[in-house]
């Protein structure tokens, strides 16, 4: 039995492991895909305190090395379910059943993709899912943005401050966000709105060279450009935890700044929990808070 099982090896999960280990607890980290989470795909990180510039993959590697050096057991396994077992918990994975005194859910979210064949290769090479993270890298360049919700609206406004031209593509002839954001975006003289359009193909092999799209008349056009921000939504992967913890209407784990869930002994950290801001620093903060909460729970109950 581990003291703590952390589900997810992104920034939140690995920071949680770091804090728990430094508090003398044994930790097992389960990750179903790749270590580092979404930040591992970012070519440059310039908004993390004390680090002027680092690639997302290097950031993730350093955090991974830090927790393994402290004794974290890290397994590439997909968690299938978590259930209460006595005072502790039973985590079932693809390959094993693991017990822990406390569990930290840090499964993150997945950005919705357009699912074109070369999307994975172009992510971080012209295609980005976070204007806050990557927008400043395109200062002085024209960029494109696809999306029609609040996130897309906020990204468009942000990018308009860096870029001489921002082309915003929407599937319909309206935005589905706050009216104040719509008015602000459309008031920007360097924003070009392209309604009733749908992207059909990315251009470029190793770097984005542009994309093809279907215009309002149904004809295929081509837009040559080196940067595209995709903001068509995020998807939490929390359904497998719904028997244990409360989820909000969008599927995020209901947990406030204490990271405590509706199930005592289970904590949620990072993008998978209900929150307004999802950034590298807030993920790390959640990891620390969740770990300290889990340590306190163990000290009280075991």
C-alpha atoms as a PDB file:
ATOM      1  CA  UNK A   1       0.000   0.000   0.000  1.00  0.00           C
ATOM      2  CA  UNK A   2       1.236   3.460  -0.909  1.00  0.00           C
ATOM      3  CA  UNK A   3       0.480   6.413   1.283  1.00  0.00           C
ATOM      4  CA  UNK A   4      -0.721   8.358  -1.742  1.00  0.00           C
ATOM      5  CA  UNK A   5      -1.604   7.426  -5.306  1.00  0.00           C
ATOM      6  CA  UNK A   6      -1.501  10.326  -7.733  1.00  0.00           C
ATOM      7  CA  UNK A   7      -3.449   9.815 -10.949  1.00  0.00           C
ATOM      8  CA  UNK A   8      -1.848  11.927 -13.661  1.00  0.00           C
ATOM      9  CA  UNK A   9       1.753  12.965 -14.240  1.00  0.00           C
ATOM     10  CA  UNK A  10       1.312  16.509 -15.459  1.00  0.00           C
ATOM     11  CA  UNK A  11       2.539  19.548 -13.570  1.00  0.00           C
ATOM     12  CA  UNK A  12      -0.187  19.228 -10.910  1.00  0.00           C
ATOM     13  CA  UNK A  13       0.332  15.514 -10.360  1.00  0.00           C
ATOM     14  CA  UNK A  14       4.118  15.630 -10.220  1.00  0.00           C
ATOM     15  CA  UNK A  15       4.103  18.692  -7.944  1.00  0.00           C
ATOM     16  CA  UNK A  16       1.724  16.820  -5.646  1.00  0.00           C
ATOM     17  CA  UNK A  17       4.151  13.913  -5.612  1.00  0.00           C
ATOM     18  CA  UNK A  18       7.034  16.268  -4.839  1.00  0.00           C
ATOM     19  CA  UNK A  19       5.311  17.812  -1.821  1.00  0.00           C
ATOM     20  CA  UNK A  20       4.077  14.478  -0.486  1.00  0.00           C
ATOM     21  CA  UNK A  21       7.516  12.904  -0.783  1.00  0.00           C
ATOM     22  CA  UNK A  22       9.120  15.818   1.012  1.00  0.00           C
ATOM     23  CA  UNK A  23       6.600  15.238   3.786  1.00  0.00           C
ATOM     24  CA  UNK A  24       7.813  11.675   4.228  1.00  0.00           C
ATOM     25  CA  UNK A  25       4.989   9.909   2.403  1.00  0.00           C
ATOM     26  CA  UNK A  26       5.344   7.091  -0.114  1.00  0.00           C
ATOM     27  CA  UNK A  27       3.883   8.007  -3.506  1.00  0.00           C
ATOM     28  CA  UNK A  28       2.843   6.095  -6.608  1.00  0.00           C
ATOM     29  CA  UNK A  29       2.153   8.164  -9.742  1.00  0.00           C
ATOM     30  CA  UNK A  30       0.017   6.643 -12.492  1.00  0.00           C
ATOM     31  CA  UNK A  31       0.079   8.082 -16.019  1.00  0.00           C
ATOM     32  CA  UNK A  32      -1.751   6.641 -18.999  1.00  0.00           C
ATOM     33  CA  UNK A  33      -0.007   8.492 -21.832  1.00  0.00           C
ATOM     34  CA  UNK A  34       3.139  10.634 -21.562  1.00  0.00           C
ATOM     35  CA  UNK A  35       4.738  12.269 -18.564  1.00  0.00           C
ATOM     36  CA  UNK A  36       4.444  16.043 -18.358  1.00  0.00           C
ATOM     37  CA  UNK A  37       0.890  16.629 -19.508  1.00  0.00           C
ATOM     38  CA  UNK A  38      -0.038  19.354 -21.974  1.00  0.00           C
ATOM     39  CA  UNK A  39       2.948  21.561 -21.175  1.00  0.00           C
ATOM     40  CA  UNK A  40       5.284  18.941 -22.636  1.00  0.00           C
ATOM     41  CA  UNK A  41       4.033  19.983 -26.100  1.00  0.00           C
ATOM     42  CA  UNK A  42       4.862  23.663 -25.643  1.00  0.00           C
ATOM     43  CA  UNK A  43       8.047  24.721 -27.485  1.00  0.00           C
ATOM     44  CA  UNK A  44       8.820  27.469 -24.979  1.00  0.00           C
ATOM     45  CA  UNK A  45       7.723  28.349 -21.465  1.00  0.00           C
ATOM     46  CA  UNK A  46       8.441  31.898 -20.348  1.00  0.00           C
ATOM     47  CA  UNK A  47       5.814  32.491 -17.665  1.00  0.00           C
ATOM     48  CA  UNK A  48       6.988  30.237 -14.856  1.00  0.00           C
ATOM     49  CA  UNK A  49       8.631  32.138 -11.970  1.00  0.00           C
ATOM     50  CA  UNK A  50      12.460  32.040 -11.806  1.00  0.00           C
ATOM     51  CA  UNK A  51      12.789  30.343 -15.214  1.00  0.00           C
ATOM     52  CA  UNK A  52      13.380  32.858 -17.990  1.00  0.00           C
ATOM     53  CA  UNK A  53      12.886  30.334 -20.773  1.00  0.00           C
ATOM     54  CA  UNK A  54      12.601  26.552 -21.020  1.00  0.00           C
ATOM     55  CA  UNK A  55      10.929  24.119 -23.376  1.00  0.00           C
ATOM     56  CA  UNK A  56       7.850  22.377 -22.070  1.00  0.00           C
ATOM     57  CA  UNK A  57       9.467  18.983 -22.507  1.00  0.00           C
ATOM     58  CA  UNK A  58      12.563  20.052 -20.543  1.00  0.00           C
ATOM     59  CA  UNK A  59      10.357  21.459 -17.780  1.00  0.00           C
ATOM     60  CA  UNK A  60       8.472  18.163 -17.557  1.00  0.00           C
ATOM     61  CA  UNK A  61      11.701  16.137 -17.621  1.00  0.00           C
ATOM     62  CA  UNK A  62      13.209  18.146 -14.760  1.00  0.00           C
ATOM     63  CA  UNK A  63      10.095  17.695 -12.641  1.00  0.00           C
ATOM     64  CA  UNK A  64      10.041  13.978 -13.417  1.00  0.00           C
ATOM     65  CA  UNK A  65      13.717  13.632 -12.452  1.00  0.00           C
ATOM     66  CA  UNK A  66      13.049  15.544  -9.241  1.00  0.00           C
ATOM     67  CA  UNK A  67      10.279  13.248  -8.010  1.00  0.00           C
ATOM     68  CA  UNK A  68      11.965  10.006  -9.035  1.00  0.00           C
ATOM     69  CA  UNK A  69      15.150  11.090  -7.243  1.00  0.00           C
ATOM     70  CA  UNK A  70      13.043  11.466  -4.088  1.00  0.00           C
ATOM     71  CA  UNK A  71      11.664   7.957  -4.461  1.00  0.00           C
ATOM     72  CA  UNK A  72       8.396   8.288  -6.376  1.00  0.00           C
ATOM     73  CA  UNK A  73       7.172   5.053  -7.938  1.00  0.00           C
ATOM     74  CA  UNK A  74       6.023   6.005 -11.412  1.00  0.00           C
ATOM     75  CA  UNK A  75       3.979   3.621 -13.547  1.00  0.00           C
ATOM     76  CA  UNK A  76       2.687   3.947 -17.089  1.00  0.00           C
ATOM     77  CA  UNK A  77      -0.776   2.603 -16.332  1.00  0.00           C
ATOM     78  CA  UNK A  78      -4.279   3.822 -17.034  1.00  0.00           C
ATOM     79  CA  UNK A  79      -6.432   4.170 -13.934  1.00  0.00           C
ATOM     80  CA  UNK A  80      -9.818   2.618 -14.631  1.00  0.00           C
ATOM     81  CA  UNK A  81     -11.593   3.288 -11.336  1.00  0.00           C
ATOM     82  CA  UNK A  82     -11.148   4.396  -7.739  1.00  0.00           C
ATOM     83  CA  UNK A  83     -13.245   3.079  -4.873  1.00  0.00           C
ATOM     84  CA  UNK A  84     -13.308   3.413  -1.118  1.00  0.00           C
ATOM     85  CA  UNK A  85     -11.848   0.467   0.803  1.00  0.00           C
ATOM     86  CA  UNK A  86     -11.973   0.772   4.572  1.00  0.00           C
ATOM     87  CA  UNK A  87     -10.139   3.939   5.534  1.00  0.00           C
ATOM     88  CA  UNK A  88      -8.217   3.886   2.293  1.00  0.00           C
ATOM     89  CA  UNK A  89      -8.813   3.418  -1.416  1.00  0.00           C
ATOM     90  CA  UNK A  90      -8.496   0.821  -4.146  1.00  0.00           C
ATOM     91  CA  UNK A  91      -7.319   1.987  -7.565  1.00  0.00           C
ATOM     92  CA  UNK A  92      -7.875  -0.440 -10.420  1.00  0.00           C
ATOM     93  CA  UNK A  93      -5.671  -0.050 -13.485  1.00  0.00           C
ATOM     94  CA  UNK A  94      -5.221  -1.924 -16.747  1.00  0.00           C
ATOM     95  CA  UNK A  95      -2.642  -4.164 -15.115  1.00  0.00           C
ATOM     96  CA  UNK A  96      -3.078  -4.154 -11.366  1.00  0.00           C
ATOM     97  CA  UNK A  97      -5.077  -3.260  -8.282  1.00  0.00           C
ATOM     98  CA  UNK A  98      -3.323  -0.754  -6.052  1.00  0.00           C
ATOM     99  CA  UNK A  99      -4.177   0.416  -2.546  1.00  0.00           C
ATOM    100  CA  UNK A 100      -3.505   3.790  -0.991  1.00  0.00           C
ATOM    101  CA  UNK A 101      -4.411   5.757   2.101  1.00  0.00           C
ATOM    102  CA  UNK A 102      -5.271   8.826   0.011  1.00  0.00           C
ATOM    103  CA  UNK A 103      -5.736   9.610  -3.676  1.00  0.00           C
ATOM    104  CA  UNK A 104      -5.000  12.761  -5.648  1.00  0.00           C
ATOM    105  CA  UNK A 105      -6.839  13.089  -8.963  1.00  0.00           C
ATOM    106  CA  UNK A 106      -4.740  15.098 -11.407  1.00  0.00           C
ATOM    107  CA  UNK A 107      -5.909  13.655 -14.700  1.00  0.00           C
ATOM    108  CA  UNK A 108      -5.957  17.019 -16.483  1.00  0.00           C
ATOM    109  CA  UNK A 109      -8.027  17.781 -19.544  1.00  0.00           C
ATOM    110  CA  UNK A 110      -7.627  17.254 -23.227  1.00  0.00           C
ATOM    111  CA  UNK A 111      -7.979  20.019 -25.780  1.00  0.00           C
ATOM    112  CA  UNK A 112     -10.502  19.261 -28.470  1.00  0.00           C
ATOM    113  CA  UNK A 113      -8.674  18.753 -31.748  1.00  0.00           C
ATOM    114  CA  UNK A 114      -9.760  19.179 -35.338  1.00  0.00           C
ATOM    115  CA  UNK A 115      -8.397  15.671 -35.940  1.00  0.00           C
ATOM    116  CA  UNK A 116      -6.555  16.275 -39.199  1.00  0.00           C
ATOM    117  CA  UNK A 117      -3.905  13.670 -40.111  1.00  0.00           C
ATOM    118  CA  UNK A 118      -0.814  15.802 -39.366  1.00  0.00           C
ATOM    119  CA  UNK A 119      -2.142  17.580 -36.275  1.00  0.00           C
ATOM    120  CA  UNK A 120       0.169  15.832 -33.816  1.00  0.00           C
ATOM    121  CA  UNK A 121       3.300  16.688 -35.811  1.00  0.00           C
ATOM    122  CA  UNK A 122       2.310  20.338 -36.146  1.00  0.00           C
ATOM    123  CA  UNK A 123       1.367  20.839 -32.487  1.00  0.00           C
ATOM    124  CA  UNK A 124       4.069  23.086 -31.084  1.00  0.00           C
ATOM    125  CA  UNK A 125       5.244  23.810 -34.620  1.00  0.00           C
ATOM    126  CA  UNK A 126       2.687  26.410 -35.562  1.00  0.00           C
ATOM    127  CA  UNK A 127      -0.422  24.963 -33.952  1.00  0.00           C
ATOM    128  CA  UNK A 128      -1.088  25.977 -30.352  1.00  0.00           C
ATOM    129  CA  UNK A 129      -3.944  25.468 -27.924  1.00  0.00           C
ATOM    130  CA  UNK A 130      -2.964  28.232 -25.492  1.00  0.00           C
ATOM    131  CA  UNK A 131      -2.624  31.869 -26.534  1.00  0.00           C
ATOM    132  CA  UNK A 132      -1.664  32.862 -22.998  1.00  0.00           C
ATOM    133  CA  UNK A 133       1.297  30.477 -23.158  1.00  0.00           C
ATOM    134  CA  UNK A 134       2.381  30.901 -26.773  1.00  0.00           C
ATOM    135  CA  UNK A 135       0.853  34.155 -28.029  1.00  0.00           C
ATOM    136  CA  UNK A 136       3.868  36.366 -27.194  1.00  0.00           C
ATOM    137  CA  UNK A 137       6.093  34.188 -29.418  1.00  0.00           C
ATOM    138  CA  UNK A 138       4.204  35.537 -32.435  1.00  0.00           C
ATOM    139  CA  UNK A 139       4.538  39.212 -31.619  1.00  0.00           C
ATOM    140  CA  UNK A 140       4.627  41.146 -34.880  1.00  0.00           C
ATOM    141  CA  UNK A 141       3.273  38.230 -36.931  1.00  0.00           C
ATOM    142  CA  UNK A 142      -0.151  37.558 -38.401  1.00  0.00           C
ATOM    143  CA  UNK A 143      -1.985  34.657 -36.732  1.00  0.00           C
ATOM    144  CA  UNK A 144      -5.233  32.752 -37.134  1.00  0.00           C
ATOM    145  CA  UNK A 145      -7.630  31.532 -34.470  1.00  0.00           C
ATOM    146  CA  UNK A 146     -10.475  29.026 -34.665  1.00  0.00           C
ATOM    147  CA  UNK A 147     -13.219  28.946 -32.034  1.00  0.00           C
ATOM    148  CA  UNK A 148     -16.362  30.788 -30.980  1.00  0.00           C
ATOM    149  CA  UNK A 149     -16.626  30.518 -27.174  1.00  0.00           C
ATOM    150  CA  UNK A 150     -15.302  32.606 -24.301  1.00  0.00           C
ATOM    151  CA  UNK A 151     -11.836  31.085 -24.488  1.00  0.00           C
ATOM    152  CA  UNK A 152     -11.561  31.889 -28.192  1.00  0.00           C
ATOM    153  CA  UNK A 153     -12.838  35.414 -27.584  1.00  0.00           C
ATOM    154  CA  UNK A 154     -10.297  35.980 -24.818  1.00  0.00           C
ATOM    155  CA  UNK A 155      -7.520  34.545 -26.970  1.00  0.00           C
ATOM    156  CA  UNK A 156      -8.475  36.803 -29.875  1.00  0.00           C
ATOM    157  CA  UNK A 157      -8.423  39.909 -27.677  1.00  0.00           C
ATOM    158  CA  UNK A 158      -5.074  38.874 -26.203  1.00  0.00           C
ATOM    159  CA  UNK A 159      -3.512  38.133 -29.595  1.00  0.00           C
ATOM    160  CA  UNK A 160      -4.728  41.445 -31.006  1.00  0.00           C
ATOM    161  CA  UNK A 161      -2.312  43.137 -28.612  1.00  0.00           C
ATOM    162  CA  UNK A 162       0.678  41.227 -29.999  1.00  0.00           C
ATOM    163  CA  UNK A 163      -0.122  40.713 -33.654  1.00  0.00           C
ATOM    164  CA  UNK A 164      -0.766  43.123 -36.539  1.00  0.00           C
ATOM    165  CA  UNK A 165      -3.588  40.907 -37.807  1.00  0.00           C
ATOM    166  CA  UNK A 166      -5.702  38.229 -36.147  1.00  0.00           C
ATOM    167  CA  UNK A 167      -8.019  36.145 -38.343  1.00  0.00           C
ATOM    168  CA  UNK A 168     -10.841  34.559 -36.335  1.00  0.00           C
ATOM    169  CA  UNK A 169     -12.653  31.609 -37.919  1.00  0.00           C
ATOM    170  CA  UNK A 170     -16.048  30.514 -36.588  1.00  0.00           C
ATOM    171  CA  UNK A 171     -18.325  27.706 -37.734  1.00  0.00           C
ATOM    172  CA  UNK A 172     -21.459  29.835 -37.437  1.00  0.00           C
ATOM    173  CA  UNK A 173     -22.291  33.504 -37.924  1.00  0.00           C
ATOM    174  CA  UNK A 174     -22.200  34.252 -34.215  1.00  0.00           C
ATOM    175  CA  UNK A 175     -20.090  33.793 -31.096  1.00  0.00           C
ATOM    176  CA  UNK A 176     -21.224  31.752 -28.106  1.00  0.00           C
ATOM    177  CA  UNK A 177     -19.642  33.784 -25.346  1.00  0.00           C
ATOM    178  CA  UNK A 178     -20.102  36.846 -23.176  1.00  0.00           C
ATOM    179  CA  UNK A 179     -21.472  39.794 -25.131  1.00  0.00           C
ATOM    180  CA  UNK A 180     -18.906  42.111 -23.586  1.00  0.00           C
ATOM    181  CA  UNK A 181     -16.090  39.938 -24.955  1.00  0.00           C
ATOM    182  CA  UNK A 182     -17.726  39.798 -28.390  1.00  0.00           C
ATOM    183  CA  UNK A 183     -17.968  43.594 -28.528  1.00  0.00           C
ATOM    184  CA  UNK A 184     -14.385  44.018 -27.366  1.00  0.00           C
ATOM    185  CA  UNK A 185     -13.033  41.557 -29.930  1.00  0.00           C
ATOM    186  CA  UNK A 186     -14.964  42.965 -32.861  1.00  0.00           C
ATOM    187  CA  UNK A 187     -13.963  46.518 -31.930  1.00  0.00           C
ATOM    188  CA  UNK A 188     -10.317  45.656 -32.601  1.00  0.00           C
ATOM    189  CA  UNK A 189      -9.295  47.097 -35.962  1.00  0.00           C
ATOM    190  CA  UNK A 190      -6.707  44.371 -36.516  1.00  0.00           C
ATOM    191  CA  UNK A 191      -9.187  41.515 -36.039  1.00  0.00           C
ATOM    192  CA  UNK A 192     -10.711  39.946 -39.160  1.00  0.00           C
ATOM    193  CA  UNK A 193     -13.750  37.766 -38.464  1.00  0.00           C
ATOM    194  CA  UNK A 194     -14.407  34.885 -40.867  1.00  0.00           C
ATOM    195  CA  UNK A 195     -17.888  33.506 -39.987  1.00  0.00           C
ATOM    196  CA  UNK A 196     -19.588  30.424 -41.461  1.00  0.00           C
ATOM    197  CA  UNK A 197     -16.297  28.712 -42.174  1.00  0.00           C
ATOM    198  CA  UNK A 198     -14.866  25.304 -41.367  1.00  0.00           C
ATOM    199  CA  UNK A 199     -11.257  24.218 -41.574  1.00  0.00           C
ATOM    200  CA  UNK A 200     -10.702  21.138 -43.713  1.00  0.00           C
ATOM    201  CA  UNK A 201      -6.939  20.547 -43.829  1.00  0.00           C
ATOM    202  CA  UNK A 202      -3.616  21.666 -42.395  1.00  0.00           C
ATOM    203  CA  UNK A 203      -0.774  22.551 -44.742  1.00  0.00           C
ATOM    204  CA  UNK A 204       2.828  21.756 -43.895  1.00  0.00           C
ATOM    205  CA  UNK A 205       4.828  18.706 -42.875  1.00  0.00           C
ATOM    206  CA  UNK A 206       7.177  19.736 -40.059  1.00  0.00           C
ATOM    207  CA  UNK A 207       5.888  23.294 -39.581  1.00  0.00           C
ATOM    208  CA  UNK A 208       2.485  24.811 -40.193  1.00  0.00           C
ATOM    209  CA  UNK A 209       2.350  26.576 -43.543  1.00  0.00           C
ATOM    210  CA  UNK A 210      -1.366  27.316 -43.517  1.00  0.00           C
ATOM    211  CA  UNK A 211      -4.697  25.551 -43.889  1.00  0.00           C
ATOM    212  CA  UNK A 212      -7.614  25.032 -46.236  1.00  0.00           C
ATOM    213  CA  UNK A 213     -11.154  25.908 -45.233  1.00  0.00           C
ATOM    214  CA  UNK A 214     -14.674  25.885 -46.600  1.00  0.00           C
ATOM    215  CA  UNK A 215     -16.051  29.422 -46.906  1.00  0.00           C
ATOM    216  CA  UNK A 216     -19.620  30.635 -46.394  1.00  0.00           C
ATOM    217  CA  UNK A 217     -20.466  29.734 -50.008  1.00  0.00           C
ATOM    218  CA  UNK A 218     -19.141  26.212 -49.608  1.00  0.00           C
ATOM    219  CA  UNK A 219     -16.028  26.762 -51.678  1.00  0.00           C
ATOM    220  CA  UNK A 220     -12.583  25.630 -50.546  1.00  0.00           C
ATOM    221  CA  UNK A 221     -10.067  28.420 -49.956  1.00  0.00           C
ATOM    222  CA  UNK A 222      -6.496  28.444 -48.697  1.00  0.00           C
ATOM    223  CA  UNK A 223      -4.961  30.629 -45.993  1.00  0.00           C
ATOM    224  CA  UNK A 224      -1.166  30.695 -45.882  1.00  0.00           C
ATOM    225  CA  UNK A 225      -0.071  31.475 -42.342  1.00  0.00           C
ATOM    226  CA  UNK A 226       2.481  30.103 -39.859  1.00  0.00           C
ATOM    227  CA  UNK A 227       0.461  30.208 -36.613  1.00  0.00           C
ATOM    228  CA  UNK A 228      -2.968  28.858 -35.738  1.00  0.00           C
ATOM    229  CA  UNK A 229      -4.549  28.869 -32.271  1.00  0.00           C
ATOM    230  CA  UNK A 230      -7.218  26.217 -31.774  1.00  0.00           C
ATOM    231  CA  UNK A 231      -9.758  27.079 -29.072  1.00  0.00           C
ATOM    232  CA  UNK A 232     -12.718  24.799 -29.665  1.00  0.00           C
ATOM    233  CA  UNK A 233     -13.017  23.533 -26.109  1.00  0.00           C
ATOM    234  CA  UNK A 234     -11.528  21.163 -23.572  1.00  0.00           C
ATOM    235  CA  UNK A 235     -12.690  17.784 -22.406  1.00  0.00           C
ATOM    236  CA  UNK A 236     -12.169  16.537 -18.826  1.00  0.00           C
ATOM    237  CA  UNK A 237     -11.655  12.806 -18.414  1.00  0.00           C
ATOM    238  CA  UNK A 238     -13.398  12.388 -15.065  1.00  0.00           C
ATOM    239  CA  UNK A 239     -16.343  10.117 -15.809  1.00  0.00           C
ATOM    240  CA  UNK A 240     -14.528   7.120 -14.313  1.00  0.00           C
ATOM    241  CA  UNK A 241     -14.429   8.981 -10.986  1.00  0.00           C
ATOM    242  CA  UNK A 242     -18.114   9.991 -10.861  1.00  0.00           C
ATOM    243  CA  UNK A 243     -19.016   7.155  -8.480  1.00  0.00           C
ATOM    244  CA  UNK A 244     -16.531   8.553  -5.961  1.00  0.00           C
ATOM    245  CA  UNK A 245     -16.528  12.355  -6.260  1.00  0.00           C
ATOM    246  CA  UNK A 246     -19.016  15.000  -7.345  1.00  0.00           C
ATOM    247  CA  UNK A 247     -18.610  16.485 -10.820  1.00  0.00           C
ATOM    248  CA  UNK A 248     -19.999  19.789 -12.066  1.00  0.00           C
ATOM    249  CA  UNK A 249     -22.265  20.009 -15.117  1.00  0.00           C
ATOM    250  CA  UNK A 250     -19.276  20.191 -17.460  1.00  0.00           C
ATOM    251  CA  UNK A 251     -17.650  17.113 -16.000  1.00  0.00           C
ATOM    252  CA  UNK A 252     -14.982  18.818 -13.905  1.00  0.00           C
ATOM    253  CA  UNK A 253     -14.350  17.617 -10.359  1.00  0.00           C
ATOM    254  CA  UNK A 254     -16.124  19.824  -7.826  1.00  0.00           C
ATOM    255  CA  UNK A 255     -13.334  21.123  -5.576  1.00  0.00           C
ATOM    256  CA  UNK A 256     -12.458  24.588  -4.353  1.00  0.00           C
ATOM    257  CA  UNK A 257      -9.067  26.139  -3.567  1.00  0.00           C
ATOM    258  CA  UNK A 258      -8.517  23.550  -0.811  1.00  0.00           C
ATOM    259  CA  UNK A 259      -8.594  20.864  -3.555  1.00  0.00           C
ATOM    260  CA  UNK A 260     -10.876  18.762  -1.305  1.00  0.00           C
ATOM    261  CA  UNK A 261     -13.499  16.712  -3.126  1.00  0.00           C
ATOM    262  CA  UNK A 262     -16.843  15.417  -1.890  1.00  0.00           C
ATOM    263  CA  UNK A 263     -15.081  12.219  -0.782  1.00  0.00           C
ATOM    264  CA  UNK A 264     -12.896  12.605   2.286  1.00  0.00           C
ATOM    265  CA  UNK A 265      -9.346  11.554   1.523  1.00  0.00           C
ATOM    266  CA  UNK A 266      -9.601  12.260  -2.212  1.00  0.00           C
ATOM    267  CA  UNK A 267      -8.210  15.503  -3.608  1.00  0.00           C
ATOM    268  CA  UNK A 268      -8.318  17.074  -7.078  1.00  0.00           C
ATOM    269  CA  UNK A 269      -5.477  19.092  -8.553  1.00  0.00           C
ATOM    270  CA  UNK A 270      -4.906  20.946 -11.803  1.00  0.00           C
ATOM    271  CA  UNK A 271      -7.049  21.313 -14.882  1.00  0.00           C
ATOM    272  CA  UNK A 272      -9.372  18.426 -13.997  1.00  0.00           C
ATOM    273  CA  UNK A 273     -10.969  20.364 -11.141  1.00  0.00           C
ATOM    274  CA  UNK A 274     -13.583  23.104 -11.494  1.00  0.00           C
ATOM    275  CA  UNK A 275     -11.710  26.416 -11.683  1.00  0.00           C
ATOM    276  CA  UNK A 276     -11.462  29.598 -13.719  1.00  0.00           C
ATOM    277  CA  UNK A 277      -7.736  29.778 -14.434  1.00  0.00           C
ATOM    278  CA  UNK A 278      -5.830  26.832 -15.905  1.00  0.00           C
ATOM    279  CA  UNK A 279      -2.150  27.673 -16.141  1.00  0.00           C
ATOM    280  CA  UNK A 280       1.180  26.056 -15.312  1.00  0.00           C
ATOM    281  CA  UNK A 281       1.516  28.032 -12.080  1.00  0.00           C
ATOM    282  CA  UNK A 282      -2.015  27.245 -10.903  1.00  0.00           C
ATOM    283  CA  UNK A 283      -1.473  23.556 -11.656  1.00  0.00           C
ATOM    284  CA  UNK A 284       1.667  23.571  -9.514  1.00  0.00           C
ATOM    285  CA  UNK A 285      -0.172  25.426  -6.759  1.00  0.00           C
ATOM    286  CA  UNK A 286      -3.000  22.868  -6.816  1.00  0.00           C
ATOM    287  CA  UNK A 287      -0.481  20.047  -6.590  1.00  0.00           C
ATOM    288  CA  UNK A 288       1.076  21.525  -3.468  1.00  0.00           C
ATOM    289  CA  UNK A 289      -2.289  22.186  -1.801  1.00  0.00           C
ATOM    290  CA  UNK A 290      -3.665  18.738  -2.638  1.00  0.00           C
ATOM    291  CA  UNK A 291      -0.534  16.982  -1.375  1.00  0.00           C
ATOM    292  CA  UNK A 292      -0.523  18.824   1.926  1.00  0.00           C
ATOM    293  CA  UNK A 293      -4.219  18.056   2.331  1.00  0.00           C
ATOM    294  CA  UNK A 294      -3.599  14.377   1.631  1.00  0.00           C
ATOM    295  CA  UNK A 295      -0.724  14.285   4.119  1.00  0.00           C
ATOM    296  CA  UNK A 296      -2.917  15.862   6.799  1.00  0.00           C
ATOM    297  CA  UNK A 297      -5.674  13.336   6.074  1.00  0.00           C
ATOM    298  CA  UNK A 298      -3.239  10.432   6.462  1.00  0.00           C
ATOM    299  CA  UNK A 299      -1.726  11.804   9.642  1.00  0.00           C
ATOM    300  CA  UNK A 300      -5.178  12.162  11.160  1.00  0.00           C
ATOM    301  CA  UNK A 301      -6.636   8.810  10.109  1.00  0.00           C
ATOM    302  CA  UNK A 302      -3.760   6.313  10.063  1.00  0.00           C
END
